[in-house]
Amino acid sequence: MAKSALITGITGQDGSYLAELLLGKGYEVHGLVRRSSSFNTGRLDGIYEDPHVSGRHLFLHHGDLNDGVTLINLLREVNPDEVYNLGAQSHVRVSFEQPVFTGDVTGVAAMRLLEAVRAARVRTKIYQASSSEMFGATPPPQDENTPFYPRSPYGAAKVYAYWATRNYREAYGVFAVNGILFNHESPRRGETFVTRKVTRAVARIQAGIQDKLYMGNLDAVRDWGYAPEFVEGMWRMLQASEPTDYVLATNTAYSVRDFVQMAFEHVGLEWEKYVEHDSRYERPTEVDALIGDFSKAKAQLGWEPKVLTPELVKIMVDADVQQLEDERSGRLVRVDR
C-alpha cells in the first residue's frame, strides 16, 4: 500500500513543494487548510485534484492548528505514516507586532499537534519545522549543537516547539525530528518576505511600474538555499532508521545588500539608484548572521544543496519577470474552485 502523509501548512511555499515531492513518490497526501472566504490554495494549482474524481491522491481538509479536537479527529481519520508540521506564523518582523498569536500558532501549536498524535493513538513519524532563527545572536557557524539565543518572538516560539518535539521523542518514544532549516527561498516565497520583496520589485522597476524599493537592514548576513531541495531533506529525515535532529543549510553567507545587488544586476540595473532605507522594516532586535553547517545531514542522510544564493537570485528574478509579463498580457489566469 502507498504511504500517506499529513502536511500542516500545505498551502505555503514549503508545503506545496513537499506535496509535489510526496505525490511524485506515490504517497497519498493530506493537507490542512485554513478556512477562508477567498481562495488560498494558489500554490497547489499545479497538483490540485477535483474531489469529485475517484482515484485521487491529494486531499485537503479544513482545520486549524489552534483546534486540538479537529487535529485528533483528522489524525484518526487519515492515520498517516508521516506528519509534517509546517504550519506557522513565519514572518519574523510580524512576530514583533503579533507576539502572542505567533507564540500560539508557531510554538504551542506544535505541542498541540504532538499531544493530538498521542491522544489519537496513531503510530506516525513527525517532522517539526524548526528554524535557524532559534540561534539568533549565537555566532556562526551554527549546527545541531549550537546553543539557542532567539532574538524575536518567532525565534522564541520555534525554540519552544523544538524542545516540545524532543521531549515527546524522549518521553513517549515518538519518532519525532526537528529539521533546523536555514533560509530557503523560491519563486513561491510570500511577497512580504525580504527575498521575494526584492525580486518582485526588480521585475516591476525594470518594467517601469515601480520607482523605489524601500529596505530595512542591508547588513544582515544569511545562508540562503533553494526550497525544493530543502523539502527533499525533510523527507529524508523521516526515512532515517532513528529519529534525531538535523541542520539543512548551504554553508555560504551573503548579506541582504549582496542579494539586492545581484538581483538588480541580473536585469542590468544599478541597485543604488532605486533602493532607499526605511526604518519601519528594521527589527527591534536584529540577528546579525546565520550561517549553517549541514555536515550531519550530508553524512547521515546523503543530503547536500546544489543551488546556492547567486543562482537562487537568478531563478527568483526570472520567475517574477515572467509572472509580471504573464499578468500584463492576460496569460496568468487564477483557477477558481
Protein backbone atom coordinates (compact mmCIF):
# COMPACT_ATOMS: atom_id res chain seq x y z
CA MET A 1 0.00 0.00 0.00
CA ALA A 2 1.07 3.56 -0.69
CA LYS A 3 2.35 5.62 2.22
CA SER A 4 0.24 8.50 3.47
CA ALA A 5 1.31 11.88 4.81
CA LEU A 6 -0.40 14.79 6.55
CA ILE A 7 1.04 18.26 5.91
CA THR A 8 0.08 21.28 8.00
CA GLY A 9 0.85 24.49 6.14
CA ILE A 10 0.39 22.73 2.79
CA THR A 11 -0.65 25.99 1.09
CA GLY A 12 2.70 27.64 1.90
CA GLN A 13 5.97 27.61 -0.02
CA ASP A 14 7.41 24.52 1.66
CA GLY A 15 4.09 22.73 1.93
CA SER A 16 3.38 22.97 -1.78
CA TYR A 17 6.84 21.75 -2.78
CA LEU A 18 6.68 18.93 -0.24
CA ALA A 19 3.26 17.85 -1.50
CA GLU A 20 4.63 17.68 -5.05
CA LEU A 21 7.61 15.65 -3.87
CA LEU A 22 5.50 13.15 -1.94
CA LEU A 23 2.94 12.74 -4.74
CA GLY A 24 5.85 12.03 -7.08
CA LYS A 25 6.94 9.27 -4.70
CA GLY A 26 3.49 7.68 -4.77
CA TYR A 27 2.20 8.99 -1.44
CA GLU A 28 -1.40 9.74 -0.58
CA VAL A 29 -1.13 13.34 0.63
CA HIS A 30 -3.48 15.08 3.05
CA GLY A 31 -3.19 18.79 3.74
CA LEU A 32 -4.57 21.01 6.50
CA VAL A 33 -6.04 24.21 5.05
CA ARG A 34 -7.42 27.17 7.00
CA ARG A 35 -10.96 28.13 6.07
CA SER A 36 -11.05 31.46 4.23
CA SER A 37 -13.63 33.49 2.33
CA SER A 38 -11.14 33.76 -0.53
CA PHE A 39 -9.11 31.09 -2.30
CA ASN A 40 -5.78 30.46 -0.57
CA THR A 41 -4.56 27.39 -2.43
CA GLY A 42 -2.87 29.07 -5.40
CA ARG A 43 0.46 27.32 -4.81
CA LEU A 44 -1.33 23.98 -5.23
CA ASP A 45 -2.86 24.75 -8.63
CA GLY A 46 -0.35 22.50 -10.40
CA ILE A 47 -1.26 19.42 -8.35
CA TYR A 48 -4.89 20.09 -7.44
CA GLU A 49 -7.25 17.16 -7.95
CA ASP A 50 -11.01 17.51 -8.27
CA PRO A 51 -12.60 15.99 -5.12
CA HIS A 52 -15.38 14.56 -7.28
CA VAL A 53 -12.94 12.34 -9.18
CA SER A 54 -12.15 8.89 -7.82
CA GLY A 55 -8.62 7.57 -7.51
CA ARG A 56 -7.11 10.88 -6.45
CA HIS A 57 -4.08 11.17 -4.19
CA LEU A 58 -4.35 14.73 -2.83
CA PHE A 59 -6.91 15.52 -0.12
CA LEU A 60 -7.42 18.92 1.50
CA HIS A 61 -9.08 19.22 4.93
CA HIS A 62 -10.25 22.41 6.59
CA GLY A 63 -8.82 22.92 10.05
CA ASP A 64 -6.50 25.00 12.19
CA LEU A 65 -3.54 24.33 14.43
CA ASN A 66 -5.41 26.17 17.19
CA ASP A 67 -8.09 23.46 17.21
CA GLY A 68 -6.83 20.36 19.01
CA VAL A 69 -10.10 18.45 18.60
CA THR A 70 -10.00 18.81 14.83
CA LEU A 71 -6.38 17.63 14.82
CA ILE A 72 -7.26 14.49 16.81
CA ASN A 73 -10.24 13.68 14.58
CA LEU A 74 -8.22 14.24 11.41
CA LEU A 75 -5.34 12.07 12.61
CA ARG A 76 -7.75 9.24 13.43
CA GLU A 77 -9.41 9.58 10.03
CA VAL A 78 -6.22 9.74 7.97
CA ASN A 79 -3.93 7.59 10.17
CA PRO A 80 -0.87 8.94 8.32
CA ASP A 81 2.51 7.27 8.13
CA GLU A 82 4.16 10.68 8.31
CA VAL A 83 3.17 14.11 9.64
CA TYR A 84 4.97 17.28 8.54
CA ASN A 85 4.22 20.28 10.76
CA LEU A 86 4.99 23.24 8.50
CA GLY A 87 2.13 25.47 9.63
CA ALA A 88 3.13 28.65 11.49
CA GLN A 89 3.12 32.42 11.58
CA SER A 90 6.54 32.52 9.97
CA HIS A 91 7.25 36.19 9.30
CA VAL A 92 9.89 37.33 11.81
CA ARG A 93 9.11 41.06 11.63
CA VAL A 94 5.38 40.40 12.02
CA SER A 95 6.07 38.33 15.14
CA PHE A 96 7.06 41.53 16.96
CA GLU A 97 3.65 43.00 16.11
CA GLN A 98 1.71 39.81 16.92
CA PRO A 99 3.84 38.07 19.56
CA VAL A 100 1.06 36.22 21.42
CA PHE A 101 -0.53 34.92 18.22
CA THR A 102 2.90 33.86 16.97
CA GLY A 103 3.65 32.12 20.25
CA ASP A 104 0.44 30.12 19.98
CA VAL A 105 0.44 29.18 16.29
CA THR A 106 4.20 28.74 15.91
CA GLY A 107 5.09 27.38 19.34
CA VAL A 108 2.23 25.95 21.40
CA ALA A 109 0.55 24.52 18.28
CA ALA A 110 3.47 22.12 17.88
CA MET A 111 2.78 20.77 21.37
CA ARG A 112 -0.92 20.63 20.49
CA LEU A 113 -0.15 18.52 17.43
CA LEU A 114 2.20 16.21 19.34
CA GLU A 115 -0.42 15.66 22.02
CA ALA A 116 -3.07 15.09 19.33
CA VAL A 117 -0.92 12.32 17.87
CA ARG A 118 -0.65 10.75 21.32
CA ALA A 119 -4.36 11.16 22.06
CA ALA A 120 -5.40 9.76 18.67
CA ARG A 121 -3.13 6.76 19.30
CA VAL A 122 -1.75 6.74 15.77
CA ARG A 123 1.74 5.44 15.07
CA THR A 124 3.29 8.03 12.84
CA LYS A 125 6.58 9.79 12.24
CA ILE A 126 6.58 13.53 12.90
CA TYR A 127 8.63 16.28 11.29
CA GLN A 128 8.76 19.62 13.12
CA ALA A 129 9.83 22.63 11.07
CA SER A 130 12.44 24.29 13.26
CA SER A 131 14.32 27.40 12.21
CA SER A 132 17.77 28.95 12.16
CA GLU A 133 16.14 31.96 13.88
CA MET A 134 16.42 29.90 17.09
CA PHE A 135 20.17 30.57 17.06
CA GLY A 136 19.64 34.33 16.89
CA ALA A 137 22.59 36.08 18.48
CA THR A 138 24.79 32.99 18.79
CA PRO A 139 27.80 33.50 16.47
CA PRO A 140 28.08 31.37 13.32
CA PRO A 141 28.67 28.81 12.04
CA GLN A 142 25.68 27.10 13.65
CA ASP A 143 24.98 23.37 13.76
CA GLU A 144 22.91 20.89 15.80
CA ASN A 145 24.98 21.51 18.94
CA THR A 146 24.96 25.32 18.82
CA PRO A 147 23.17 26.97 21.80
CA PHE A 148 19.95 28.84 21.06
CA TYR A 149 19.67 32.61 21.61
CA PRO A 150 16.48 33.73 19.83
CA ARG A 151 16.05 37.43 19.07
CA SER A 152 12.37 37.55 18.14
CA PRO A 153 9.01 36.19 19.32
CA TYR A 154 9.13 33.93 16.26
CA GLY A 155 12.54 32.52 17.24
CA ALA A 156 11.40 32.02 20.84
CA ALA A 157 8.25 30.22 19.67
CA LYS A 158 10.33 27.92 17.48
CA VAL A 159 12.59 27.09 20.44
CA TYR A 160 9.50 26.05 22.42
CA ALA A 161 8.34 23.82 19.56
CA TYR A 162 11.84 22.35 19.21
CA TRP A 163 12.04 21.29 22.86
CA ALA A 164 8.45 20.02 22.85
CA THR A 165 9.36 17.76 19.93
CA ARG A 166 12.46 16.46 21.68
CA ASN A 167 10.52 15.90 24.91
CA TYR A 168 7.85 13.78 23.20
CA ARG A 169 10.57 11.80 21.46
CA GLU A 170 12.33 11.08 24.74
CA ALA A 171 9.26 10.71 26.99
CA TYR A 172 6.94 8.69 24.76
CA GLY A 173 9.22 7.13 22.15
CA VAL A 174 7.61 9.08 19.32
CA PHE A 175 9.57 9.15 16.06
CA ALA A 176 9.82 12.94 16.04
CA VAL A 177 12.57 15.03 14.42
CA ASN A 178 13.43 18.70 14.22
CA GLY A 179 14.57 19.99 10.86
CA ILE A 180 16.55 23.14 11.67
CA LEU A 181 16.35 24.82 8.29
CA PHE A 182 18.27 27.93 7.38
CA ASN A 183 16.70 30.44 4.99
CA HIS A 184 15.35 28.74 1.90
CA GLU A 185 13.61 30.64 -0.86
CA SER A 186 11.91 30.19 -4.23
CA PRO A 187 9.51 31.94 -6.61
CA ARG A 188 6.73 30.70 -4.29
CA ARG A 189 8.03 32.68 -1.33
CA GLY A 190 5.43 35.12 0.05
CA GLU A 191 5.67 38.61 -1.37
CA THR A 192 6.22 40.23 2.06
CA PHE A 193 9.39 38.21 2.77
CA VAL A 194 12.58 40.12 2.03
CA THR A 195 13.93 37.98 -0.81
CA ARG A 196 10.66 37.90 -2.74
CA LYS A 197 10.05 41.56 -1.97
CA VAL A 198 13.37 42.31 -3.67
CA THR A 199 12.94 40.13 -6.75
CA ARG A 200 9.35 41.26 -7.30
CA ALA A 201 10.43 44.91 -7.03
CA VAL A 202 13.25 44.32 -9.52
CA ALA A 203 10.76 42.98 -12.07
CA ARG A 204 8.40 45.91 -11.52
CA ILE A 205 11.15 48.55 -11.63
CA GLN A 206 12.53 47.07 -14.85
CA ALA A 207 9.02 47.21 -16.32
CA GLY A 208 8.63 50.86 -15.31
CA ILE A 209 5.69 50.39 -12.93
CA GLN A 210 7.59 50.90 -9.65
CA ASP A 211 10.12 53.61 -8.79
CA LYS A 212 11.71 52.63 -5.49
CA LEU A 213 12.40 49.70 -3.22
CA TYR A 214 12.38 50.50 0.50
CA MET A 215 14.50 48.26 2.70
CA GLY A 216 15.50 47.88 6.32
CA ASN A 217 18.82 46.43 7.47
CA LEU A 218 21.03 45.61 4.48
CA ASP A 219 23.93 44.34 6.58
CA ALA A 220 22.25 41.19 7.94
CA VAL A 221 24.02 38.05 6.71
CA ARG A 222 22.08 34.93 5.79
CA ASP A 223 22.58 31.43 4.41
CA TRP A 224 20.07 31.20 1.55
CA GLY A 225 19.16 27.90 -0.12
CA TYR A 226 16.53 26.65 -2.58
CA ALA A 227 13.24 25.46 -1.08
CA PRO A 228 12.62 22.42 -3.38
CA GLU A 229 15.96 20.96 -2.28
CA PHE A 230 15.20 21.57 1.39
CA VAL A 231 11.88 19.68 1.32
CA GLU A 232 13.78 16.69 -0.02
CA GLY A 233 15.85 16.91 3.15
CA MET A 234 12.69 16.95 5.27
CA TRP A 235 11.53 13.72 3.67
CA ARG A 236 14.92 12.08 4.16
CA MET A 237 14.83 12.83 7.89
CA LEU A 238 11.71 10.69 8.29
CA GLN A 239 13.26 7.83 6.30
CA ALA A 240 16.18 7.50 8.74
CA SER A 241 16.33 4.44 10.97
CA GLU A 242 16.36 6.52 14.18
CA PRO A 243 14.88 9.96 14.96
CA THR A 244 17.29 12.82 15.53
CA ASP A 245 17.63 16.48 14.60
CA TYR A 246 19.34 17.93 11.53
CA VAL A 247 20.50 21.29 10.18
CA LEU A 248 19.85 21.98 6.50
CA ALA A 249 21.85 24.89 5.07
CA THR A 250 24.33 25.77 2.33
CA ASN A 251 27.38 26.74 4.46
CA THR A 252 27.60 30.01 2.49
CA ALA A 253 26.98 33.61 3.57
CA TYR A 254 25.65 36.66 1.76
CA SER A 255 24.32 39.94 3.12
CA VAL A 256 20.93 41.35 2.23
CA ARG A 257 22.88 44.02 0.32
CA ASP A 258 24.55 41.26 -1.72
CA PHE A 259 21.16 39.75 -2.54
CA VAL A 260 19.80 43.13 -3.62
CA GLN A 261 22.84 43.89 -5.76
CA MET A 262 22.75 40.51 -7.53
CA ALA A 263 19.03 40.85 -8.22
CA PHE A 264 19.32 44.26 -9.85
CA GLU A 265 22.48 43.33 -11.75
CA HIS A 266 20.67 40.33 -13.24
CA VAL A 267 18.41 42.72 -15.20
CA GLY A 268 21.14 45.27 -15.90
CA LEU A 269 20.18 47.88 -13.28
CA GLU A 270 22.29 49.69 -10.67
CA TRP A 271 20.68 48.98 -7.32
CA GLU A 272 21.85 52.19 -5.63
CA LYS A 273 19.57 54.25 -7.89
CA TYR A 274 16.42 52.52 -6.68
CA VAL A 275 16.91 51.32 -3.09
CA GLU A 276 16.18 53.56 -0.10
CA HIS A 277 16.17 52.94 3.63
CA ASP A 278 13.01 52.75 5.74
CA SER A 279 13.45 52.14 9.47
CA ARG A 280 9.96 50.61 9.71
CA TYR A 281 11.37 47.43 8.18
CA GLU A 282 14.04 47.01 10.85
CA ARG A 283 13.56 44.58 13.75
CA PRO A 284 13.66 45.76 17.38
CA THR A 285 16.38 43.13 17.95
CA GLU A 286 18.41 42.11 14.93
CA VAL A 287 20.03 38.80 14.05
CA ASP A 288 23.37 39.70 12.50
CA ALA A 289 24.48 36.44 10.90
CA LEU A 290 23.03 32.97 10.34
CA ILE A 291 25.36 30.54 8.58
CA GLY A 292 24.65 26.84 8.83
CA ASP A 293 26.73 23.68 8.83
CA PHE A 294 24.93 20.77 7.16
CA SER A 295 27.71 18.21 7.76
CA LYS A 296 25.48 15.88 9.79
CA ALA A 297 22.74 15.82 7.14
CA LYS A 298 25.32 15.10 4.45
CA ALA A 299 26.94 12.28 6.43
CA GLN A 300 23.76 10.59 7.68
CA LEU A 301 21.15 11.44 5.03
CA GLY A 302 23.27 11.96 1.93
CA TRP A 303 21.73 15.43 1.57
CA GLU A 304 23.53 18.49 0.26
CA PRO A 305 22.41 21.62 -1.59
CA LYS A 306 23.11 22.22 -5.27
CA VAL A 307 21.57 25.67 -5.80
CA LEU A 308 23.47 28.41 -3.97
CA THR A 309 22.50 32.05 -3.49
CA PRO A 310 23.72 33.56 -6.80
CA GLU A 311 21.77 31.01 -8.84
CA LEU A 312 18.79 31.28 -6.49
CA VAL A 313 18.62 35.04 -7.09
CA LYS A 314 18.50 34.50 -10.86
CA ILE A 315 15.77 31.85 -10.54
CA MET A 316 13.60 34.17 -8.47
CA VAL A 317 14.14 37.28 -10.58
CA ASP A 318 13.44 35.41 -13.81
CA ALA A 319 10.25 33.96 -12.31
CA ASP A 320 8.98 37.37 -11.18
CA VAL A 321 9.80 38.94 -14.54
CA GLN A 322 7.88 36.15 -16.28
CA GLN A 323 4.95 36.39 -13.87
CA LEU A 324 4.67 40.13 -14.44
CA GLU A 325 4.73 39.63 -18.21
CA ASP A 326 2.01 36.98 -17.90
CA GLU A 327 -0.13 39.25 -15.72
CA ARG A 328 0.15 42.17 -18.11
CA SER A 329 -0.59 40.05 -21.17
CA GLY A 330 -3.56 38.29 -19.56
CA ARG A 331 -1.91 34.86 -19.75
CA LEU A 332 -1.97 34.39 -15.98
CA VAL A 333 -5.40 33.11 -15.02
CA ARG A 334 -6.32 32.06 -11.47
CA VAL A 335 -8.35 28.89 -11.16
CA ASP A 336 -11.49 29.30 -9.04
CA ARG A 337 -12.88 26.28 -7.25
